[in-house]
């Protein structure tokens, strides 16, 4: 809906699997998407594949299902501007770095490294620092891109056999095998809300990561509220459309930009433990109260000593 509203002349293709297509077609609310898109490409779901696996299968093999040059966009996104000028990007294959930074600086560097080694056997971090996010991809209808996607699909199937069902470790391996074929797109094309303060003012596509549960950078209204409303067959009202129109400013208050040492603390394993504890509010609140008392006592001791 946001793509059609912001880029009305753009041709929109919906790529889906056969089971999802039937589910959409047989539901009055969901089938309204057929009024928005220009084309539907339905691909048979591979036998025994889950929905998650099917989505990765479609993504890694989509070059053979979709004709012509295309800009692939994940569904957990909001389009904020016209998309037509992507055609001026001079390279055959384009993507934005995951979290807008080298892999070694990302919040999930440790886990990503483990997955990369398991999938590819590459242990030298320097070879995979350009770790691209697969949420937005510029793909030309070229021999290079057809080969790239064939390799990516094969690498993902191998990755799946090893228990890693996400597509980005296989994407990294494929890029490495193809001589770093991916060229870096400007971050405005895949503005990943947690880490995108530099790109938000001019964002063309905001990516809020529905797979991250509660940690959607404050974009839960896009992740939960609006999809649930559409599923129930409710029409979006003016307030909903204003939210979509002003998606660059959809952060709740309070919020903070985290940089420097604070960012290193944020991405630490210790902070991960705190996030897990926060879900168990009673334990978290008890620890917080204990630390608050310690801080008060320390402040009083310092005050008296400075007497």
Protein backbone atom coordinates (compact mmCIF):
# COMPACT_ATOMS: atom_id res chain seq x y z
CA UNK A 1 0.00 0.00 0.00
CA UNK A 2 2.83 2.40 0.83
CA UNK A 3 4.65 1.49 -2.39
CA UNK A 4 1.57 2.22 -4.49
CA UNK A 5 0.87 5.47 -2.63
CA UNK A 6 4.45 6.80 -2.87
CA UNK A 7 5.46 5.36 -6.24
CA UNK A 8 2.21 5.16 -8.28
CA UNK A 9 3.88 4.56 -11.66
CA UNK A 10 6.04 1.68 -10.44
CA UNK A 11 5.08 -1.82 -11.60
CA UNK A 12 4.54 -4.00 -8.50
CA UNK A 13 4.88 -7.79 -8.59
CA UNK A 14 3.77 -9.96 -5.68
CA UNK A 15 5.91 -13.10 -5.42
CA UNK A 16 4.34 -15.82 -3.30
CA UNK A 17 3.99 -19.57 -2.98
CA UNK A 18 0.97 -21.63 -4.01
CA UNK A 19 -0.35 -22.29 -0.50
CA UNK A 20 -0.08 -18.63 0.50
CA UNK A 21 -1.74 -17.61 -2.77
CA UNK A 22 -4.74 -19.84 -2.02
CA UNK A 23 -4.93 -18.47 1.54
CA UNK A 24 -4.93 -14.88 0.23
CA UNK A 25 -7.39 -15.58 -2.58
CA UNK A 26 -9.95 -17.18 -0.26
CA UNK A 27 -9.96 -14.32 2.27
CA UNK A 28 -11.86 -11.14 1.40
CA UNK A 29 -9.60 -8.86 3.43
CA UNK A 30 -6.30 -10.32 2.28
CA UNK A 31 -7.35 -10.61 -1.37
CA UNK A 32 -7.52 -6.81 -1.61
CA UNK A 33 -3.77 -6.94 -2.26
CA UNK A 34 -4.63 -8.14 -5.78
CA UNK A 35 -6.19 -4.70 -6.41
CA UNK A 36 -2.88 -3.00 -5.51
CA UNK A 37 -0.31 -5.07 -7.38
CA UNK A 38 0.14 -5.28 -11.15
CA UNK A 39 1.20 -8.91 -11.29
CA UNK A 40 1.12 -12.03 -9.11
CA UNK A 41 3.74 -14.75 -9.49
CA UNK A 42 2.76 -17.92 -7.62
CA UNK A 43 5.37 -20.67 -7.22
CA UNK A 44 4.60 -24.23 -6.01
CA UNK A 45 5.66 -24.69 -2.40
CA UNK A 46 8.41 -27.34 -2.12
CA UNK A 47 7.23 -30.47 -0.36
CA UNK A 48 7.85 -30.51 3.43
CA UNK A 49 8.97 -26.86 3.47
CA UNK A 50 7.67 -24.66 6.28
CA UNK A 51 6.43 -21.15 5.59
CA UNK A 52 9.74 -19.68 6.75
CA UNK A 53 11.73 -22.06 4.56
CA UNK A 54 9.47 -21.37 1.59
CA UNK A 55 10.02 -17.61 1.89
CA UNK A 56 13.80 -18.16 1.81
CA UNK A 57 13.47 -20.56 -1.10
CA UNK A 58 11.50 -17.95 -3.06
CA UNK A 59 13.95 -15.17 -2.24
CA UNK A 60 17.06 -17.12 -3.20
CA UNK A 61 15.58 -18.38 -6.49
CA UNK A 62 13.40 -15.40 -7.51
CA UNK A 63 15.57 -14.37 -10.45
CA UNK A 64 14.14 -17.25 -12.52
CA UNK A 65 10.53 -16.45 -11.56
CA UNK A 66 10.44 -12.69 -12.14
CA UNK A 67 11.10 -11.15 -15.57
CA UNK A 68 13.21 -8.07 -16.26
CA UNK A 69 15.14 -5.82 -13.88
CA UNK A 70 13.55 -5.57 -10.43
CA UNK A 71 13.92 -4.09 -6.96
CA UNK A 72 13.16 -6.82 -4.43
CA UNK A 73 11.61 -5.56 -1.16
CA UNK A 74 10.88 -7.61 1.97
CA UNK A 75 7.32 -7.42 3.28
CA UNK A 76 8.32 -5.98 6.69
CA UNK A 77 9.00 -2.58 5.15
CA UNK A 78 7.40 0.80 4.54
CA UNK A 79 8.04 2.68 1.30
CA UNK A 80 8.54 6.40 1.94
CA UNK A 81 9.42 7.85 -1.47
CA UNK A 82 9.25 7.19 -5.23
CA UNK A 83 11.33 4.18 -6.27
CA UNK A 84 11.83 4.89 -9.99
CA UNK A 85 15.34 6.34 -9.69
CA UNK A 86 16.75 2.94 -8.63
CA UNK A 87 17.13 2.36 -12.37
CA UNK A 88 19.97 4.89 -12.39
CA UNK A 89 22.07 2.63 -10.13
CA UNK A 90 24.95 1.72 -12.45
CA UNK A 91 25.61 -1.83 -11.22
CA UNK A 92 23.90 -5.17 -11.92
CA UNK A 93 23.39 -6.23 -8.31
CA UNK A 94 22.99 -3.95 -5.30
CA UNK A 95 22.30 -4.24 -1.57
CA UNK A 96 22.80 -2.35 1.70
CA UNK A 97 25.15 -3.54 4.45
CA UNK A 98 23.41 -5.33 7.29
CA UNK A 99 22.86 -2.83 10.12
CA UNK A 100 24.64 -0.25 7.91
CA UNK A 101 28.05 -1.34 9.18
CA UNK A 102 30.85 -3.90 8.75
CA UNK A 103 30.06 -7.30 10.24
CA UNK A 104 32.64 -6.98 13.05
CA UNK A 105 30.75 -3.95 14.42
CA UNK A 106 27.23 -5.40 14.27
CA UNK A 107 25.16 -6.46 17.25
CA UNK A 108 25.00 -10.08 16.08
CA UNK A 109 28.60 -10.44 14.89
CA UNK A 110 29.34 -13.46 17.10
CA UNK A 111 26.30 -15.48 15.96
CA UNK A 112 26.76 -14.47 12.32
CA UNK A 113 30.39 -15.61 12.40
CA UNK A 114 29.37 -19.03 13.72
CA UNK A 115 26.77 -19.39 10.95
CA UNK A 116 29.21 -18.20 8.28
CA UNK A 117 31.86 -20.70 9.35
CA UNK A 118 29.31 -23.52 9.47
CA UNK A 119 27.92 -22.71 6.04
CA UNK A 120 31.05 -21.62 4.19
CA UNK A 121 34.09 -22.71 6.18
CA UNK A 122 35.42 -19.13 5.91
CA UNK A 123 37.06 -18.23 9.22
CA UNK A 124 38.84 -15.00 8.28
CA UNK A 125 36.52 -12.14 9.28
CA UNK A 126 38.16 -9.80 6.78
CA UNK A 127 36.65 -11.85 3.94
CA UNK A 128 33.10 -11.31 5.14
CA UNK A 129 33.13 -7.78 6.54
CA UNK A 130 30.81 -6.68 3.71
CA UNK A 131 27.85 -8.60 5.08
CA UNK A 132 24.81 -7.51 3.09
CA UNK A 133 21.20 -7.43 4.24
CA UNK A 134 18.84 -9.33 1.93
CA UNK A 135 15.79 -7.17 2.66
CA UNK A 136 16.18 -4.94 -0.40
CA UNK A 137 18.02 -6.06 -3.54
CA UNK A 138 18.48 -4.37 -6.91
CA UNK A 139 18.68 -7.14 -9.51
CA UNK A 140 19.22 -6.75 -13.25
CA UNK A 141 18.11 -9.32 -15.80
CA UNK A 142 21.70 -10.25 -16.62
CA UNK A 143 23.80 -13.37 -16.94
CA UNK A 144 25.70 -12.42 -13.78
CA UNK A 145 22.51 -12.13 -11.72
CA UNK A 146 21.01 -15.36 -13.05
CA UNK A 147 24.19 -17.22 -12.08
CA UNK A 148 24.34 -15.44 -8.71
CA UNK A 149 20.81 -16.46 -7.75
CA UNK A 150 21.31 -20.02 -8.90
CA UNK A 151 24.39 -20.21 -6.66
CA UNK A 152 22.55 -18.50 -3.80
CA UNK A 153 19.69 -20.97 -3.96
CA UNK A 154 22.09 -23.95 -3.98
CA UNK A 155 24.06 -22.47 -1.08
CA UNK A 156 20.88 -21.85 0.90
CA UNK A 157 19.68 -25.44 0.35
CA UNK A 158 23.07 -26.58 1.65
CA UNK A 159 22.72 -24.16 4.58
CA UNK A 160 19.24 -25.52 5.32
CA UNK A 161 20.65 -29.06 5.42
CA UNK A 162 23.01 -27.87 8.16
CA UNK A 163 20.18 -26.40 10.21
CA UNK A 164 20.71 -22.73 9.26
CA UNK A 165 17.53 -21.58 7.54
CA UNK A 166 18.24 -17.84 7.31
CA UNK A 167 19.40 -16.65 3.89
CA UNK A 168 22.16 -14.14 4.68
CA UNK A 169 25.07 -16.53 5.48
CA UNK A 170 24.39 -18.19 2.12
CA UNK A 171 24.18 -14.73 0.52
CA UNK A 172 27.59 -13.84 1.95
CA UNK A 173 29.09 -17.10 0.66
CA UNK A 174 27.58 -16.56 -2.79
CA UNK A 175 28.93 -13.02 -2.98
CA UNK A 176 32.39 -14.30 -2.01
CA UNK A 177 32.25 -17.09 -4.60
CA UNK A 178 31.23 -14.62 -7.32
CA UNK A 179 34.07 -12.18 -6.74
CA UNK A 180 32.07 -9.75 -4.54
CA UNK A 181 29.45 -9.19 -7.23
CA UNK A 182 27.20 -7.13 -4.94
CA UNK A 183 27.71 -3.35 -5.11
CA UNK A 184 26.71 -1.29 -2.08
CA UNK A 185 23.49 0.69 -2.34
CA UNK A 186 22.98 3.92 -0.43
CA UNK A 187 21.48 3.16 2.98
CA UNK A 188 18.30 5.10 2.17
CA UNK A 189 17.17 2.11 0.08
CA UNK A 190 17.09 -0.24 3.08
CA UNK A 191 16.89 1.96 6.15
CA UNK A 192 17.14 -0.51 9.04
CA UNK A 193 15.51 1.44 11.86
CA UNK A 194 17.69 0.35 14.78
CA UNK A 195 20.87 1.57 13.16
CA UNK A 196 19.81 4.10 10.52
CA UNK A 197 19.80 7.56 12.12
CA UNK A 198 22.05 8.84 9.32
CA UNK A 199 19.64 7.62 6.62
CA UNK A 200 16.19 8.21 8.14
CA UNK A 201 15.69 11.82 6.94
CA UNK A 202 15.91 10.71 3.30
CA UNK A 203 14.81 7.09 3.64
CA UNK A 204 13.13 5.58 0.60
CA UNK A 205 12.41 2.23 2.28
CA UNK A 206 12.26 1.65 6.03
CA UNK A 207 12.95 -1.93 7.14
CA UNK A 208 11.62 -2.62 10.65
CA UNK A 209 12.35 -6.37 10.99
CA UNK A 210 9.14 -8.18 11.88
CA UNK A 211 11.17 -11.29 12.78
CA UNK A 212 12.67 -9.49 15.78
CA UNK A 213 9.51 -9.68 17.88
CA UNK A 214 9.35 -6.86 20.45
CA UNK A 215 12.58 -5.29 19.22
CA UNK A 216 11.20 -3.46 16.17
CA UNK A 217 12.80 -0.10 16.89
CA UNK A 218 9.43 1.24 18.03
CA UNK A 219 7.69 0.25 14.79
CA UNK A 220 5.26 -2.21 16.36
CA UNK A 221 2.28 -0.38 14.84
CA UNK A 222 3.52 -1.40 11.39
CA UNK A 223 4.51 -4.87 12.56
CA UNK A 224 1.35 -5.70 14.54
CA UNK A 225 -1.42 -3.10 14.59
CA UNK A 226 -1.89 -2.29 10.90
CA UNK A 227 -1.48 -5.89 9.62
CA UNK A 228 -4.01 -7.12 12.21
CA UNK A 229 -6.44 -4.41 11.16
CA UNK A 230 -6.11 -5.41 7.50
CA UNK A 231 -6.49 -9.12 8.32
CA UNK A 232 -9.79 -8.34 10.04
CA UNK A 233 -11.01 -6.58 6.91
CA UNK A 234 -11.03 -3.12 8.49
CA UNK A 235 -10.35 -0.10 6.32
CA UNK A 236 -7.35 2.06 7.23
CA UNK A 237 -8.50 5.43 8.52
CA UNK A 238 -6.93 8.86 8.07
CA UNK A 239 -4.82 8.45 11.19
CA UNK A 240 -3.39 5.18 9.84
CA UNK A 241 -2.52 6.80 6.53
CA UNK A 242 -0.86 9.72 8.30
CA UNK A 243 1.28 7.19 10.17
CA UNK A 244 2.32 5.56 6.89
CA UNK A 245 2.89 8.96 5.26
CA UNK A 246 5.17 10.04 8.12
CA UNK A 247 6.87 6.68 8.68
CA UNK A 248 10.28 8.35 9.04
CA UNK A 249 9.01 9.93 12.27
CA UNK A 250 7.15 6.95 13.70
CA UNK A 251 9.42 6.37 16.70
CA UNK A 252 7.64 6.43 20.06
CA UNK A 253 8.80 8.73 22.84
CA UNK A 254 11.04 8.44 24.79
CA UNK A 255 13.84 7.27 22.51
CA UNK A 256 17.61 7.67 22.24
CA UNK A 257 20.41 7.53 19.68
CA UNK A 258 23.14 5.21 20.98
CA UNK A 259 26.73 5.77 19.88
CA UNK A 260 30.32 5.22 21.02
CA UNK A 261 30.80 3.37 24.31
CA UNK A 262 27.05 3.21 24.86
CA UNK A 263 26.69 1.31 21.57
CA UNK A 264 29.39 -1.18 22.60
CA UNK A 265 27.47 -1.79 25.84
CA UNK A 266 24.22 -2.12 23.85
CA UNK A 267 25.63 -4.85 21.60
CA UNK A 268 27.37 -6.75 24.42
CA UNK A 269 26.32 -10.19 25.65
CA UNK A 270 25.74 -8.66 29.08
CA UNK A 271 23.14 -6.33 27.59
CA UNK A 272 21.56 -9.36 25.90
CA UNK A 273 21.18 -10.97 29.34
CA UNK A 274 19.49 -7.81 30.62
CA UNK A 275 17.03 -7.87 27.71
CA UNK A 276 16.16 -11.47 28.56
CA UNK A 277 15.72 -10.56 32.24
CA UNK A 278 13.51 -7.63 31.30
CA UNK A 279 10.94 -10.07 29.95
CA UNK A 280 10.77 -11.50 33.48
CA UNK A 281 9.79 -8.18 35.04
CA UNK A 282 9.74 -9.28 38.69
CA UNK A 283 13.36 -10.44 38.61
CA UNK A 284 14.47 -7.41 36.61
CA UNK A 285 12.67 -4.96 38.92
CA UNK A 286 14.16 -6.62 42.02
CA UNK A 287 17.70 -6.33 40.64
CA UNK A 288 17.05 -2.75 39.52
CA UNK A 289 15.85 -1.84 43.04
CA UNK A 290 18.95 -3.41 44.63
CA UNK A 291 21.27 -1.48 42.31
CA UNK A 292 19.32 1.72 42.94
CA UNK A 293 19.85 1.32 46.71
CA UNK A 294 23.57 0.72 46.16
CA UNK A 295 23.80 3.89 44.05
CA UNK A 296 21.99 5.94 46.72
CA UNK A 297 24.29 4.62 49.48
CA UNK A 298 27.37 5.33 47.32
CA UNK A 299 26.15 8.88 46.60
CA UNK A 300 25.59 9.52 50.33
CA UNK A 301 29.08 8.21 51.22
CA UNK A 302 30.68 10.46 48.59
CA UNK A 303 28.64 13.47 49.81
CA UNK A 304 29.70 12.92 53.44
CA UNK A 305 33.35 12.43 52.52
CA UNK A 306 33.27 15.73 50.66
CA UNK A 307 31.61 17.12 53.74
